[in-house]
């Protein structure tokens, strides 16, 4: 029985992947920070609006997840653009 061929990743590919993952995690952290600050600050006025909504509708958890995903996706795309732009 032939041995399966093991494909090794180049250090450049590993570095690029880690950079993109780092951008994604940084975006999620920034999104969660924004959600925390806006829901715990009276200046933004978001907390009263979220509390007044229908209980079966959009909640604070949904707001935090939306912020985290939005920032995560945006920074991931930025990381891809910056990482691929460094090559050229």
Protein backbone atom coordinates (compact mmCIF):
# COMPACT_ATOMS: atom_id res chain seq x y z
CA UNK A 1 0.00 0.00 0.00
CA UNK A 2 1.52 3.35 -1.03
CA UNK A 3 2.19 5.95 1.62
CA UNK A 4 -0.10 9.00 1.48
CA UNK A 5 1.68 12.04 0.26
CA UNK A 6 2.13 14.65 2.98
CA UNK A 7 1.91 18.20 1.75
CA UNK A 8 3.94 20.66 3.76
CA UNK A 9 2.94 24.29 4.01
CA UNK A 10 5.53 26.91 3.34
CA UNK A 11 6.42 29.28 6.19
CA UNK A 12 5.05 32.14 4.10
CA UNK A 13 1.63 30.47 3.90
CA UNK A 14 1.57 29.83 7.65
CA UNK A 15 2.57 33.42 8.40
CA UNK A 16 -0.07 34.76 6.02
CA UNK A 17 -2.77 32.57 7.58
CA UNK A 18 -1.80 33.62 11.11
CA UNK A 19 -1.85 37.29 10.10
CA UNK A 20 -5.36 36.97 8.65
CA UNK A 21 -6.56 35.08 11.74
CA UNK A 22 -5.04 37.77 13.95
CA UNK A 23 -6.93 40.46 12.06
CA UNK A 24 -10.17 38.51 12.42
CA UNK A 25 -9.73 38.06 16.18
CA UNK A 26 -8.79 41.72 16.59
CA UNK A 27 -12.00 42.72 14.78
CA UNK A 28 -14.16 40.48 16.96
CA UNK A 29 -12.55 41.96 20.07
CA UNK A 30 -13.14 45.51 18.82
CA UNK A 31 -16.76 44.69 17.97
CA UNK A 32 -17.39 43.25 21.42
CA UNK A 33 -15.74 46.27 23.01
CA UNK A 34 -17.94 48.62 21.00
CA UNK A 35 -21.05 46.63 21.96
CA UNK A 36 -20.06 46.70 25.63
CA UNK A 37 -19.35 50.42 25.64
CA UNK A 38 -22.52 51.39 23.77
CA UNK A 39 -24.81 49.23 25.90
CA UNK A 40 -23.27 50.33 29.20
CA UNK A 41 -23.06 54.05 28.42
CA UNK A 42 -26.04 56.32 28.82
CA UNK A 43 -24.62 58.77 26.27
CA UNK A 44 -25.26 56.48 23.29
CA UNK A 45 -28.93 55.79 24.05
CA UNK A 46 -28.82 52.27 22.65
CA UNK A 47 -29.59 50.41 25.87
CA UNK A 48 -33.04 51.97 26.42
CA UNK A 49 -33.96 51.24 22.81
CA UNK A 50 -32.87 47.59 23.09
CA UNK A 51 -34.72 47.19 26.40
CA UNK A 52 -37.93 48.67 24.97
CA UNK A 53 -38.03 46.24 22.06
CA UNK A 54 -40.21 43.17 21.93
CA UNK A 55 -38.69 40.42 24.15
CA UNK A 56 -38.91 37.89 21.32
CA UNK A 57 -37.08 40.22 18.94
CA UNK A 58 -33.62 41.75 18.82
CA UNK A 59 -31.84 41.56 22.19
CA UNK A 60 -28.57 42.85 23.63
CA UNK A 61 -26.91 39.53 22.88
CA UNK A 62 -27.95 39.83 19.25
CA UNK A 63 -26.58 43.38 19.18
CA UNK A 64 -23.23 42.20 20.59
CA UNK A 65 -23.03 39.31 18.11
CA UNK A 66 -23.88 41.64 15.22
CA UNK A 67 -21.15 44.08 16.25
CA UNK A 68 -18.60 41.29 16.69
CA UNK A 69 -19.39 39.68 13.33
CA UNK A 70 -19.46 42.99 11.49
CA UNK A 71 -16.10 44.10 12.82
CA UNK A 72 -14.67 40.58 12.43
CA UNK A 73 -15.62 40.33 8.78
CA UNK A 74 -14.42 43.87 7.99
CA UNK A 75 -11.03 43.38 9.63
CA UNK A 76 -10.61 39.95 8.05
CA UNK A 77 -11.10 41.47 4.60
CA UNK A 78 -8.71 44.26 5.53
CA UNK A 79 -6.17 41.66 6.69
CA UNK A 80 -6.50 39.79 3.41
CA UNK A 81 -5.98 42.99 1.44
CA UNK A 82 -2.97 44.02 3.49
CA UNK A 83 -1.41 40.56 3.44
CA UNK A 84 -1.82 40.13 -0.31
CA UNK A 85 -0.69 43.72 -0.88
CA UNK A 86 2.57 43.08 0.96
CA UNK A 87 3.51 40.45 -1.61
CA UNK A 88 3.45 42.80 -4.58
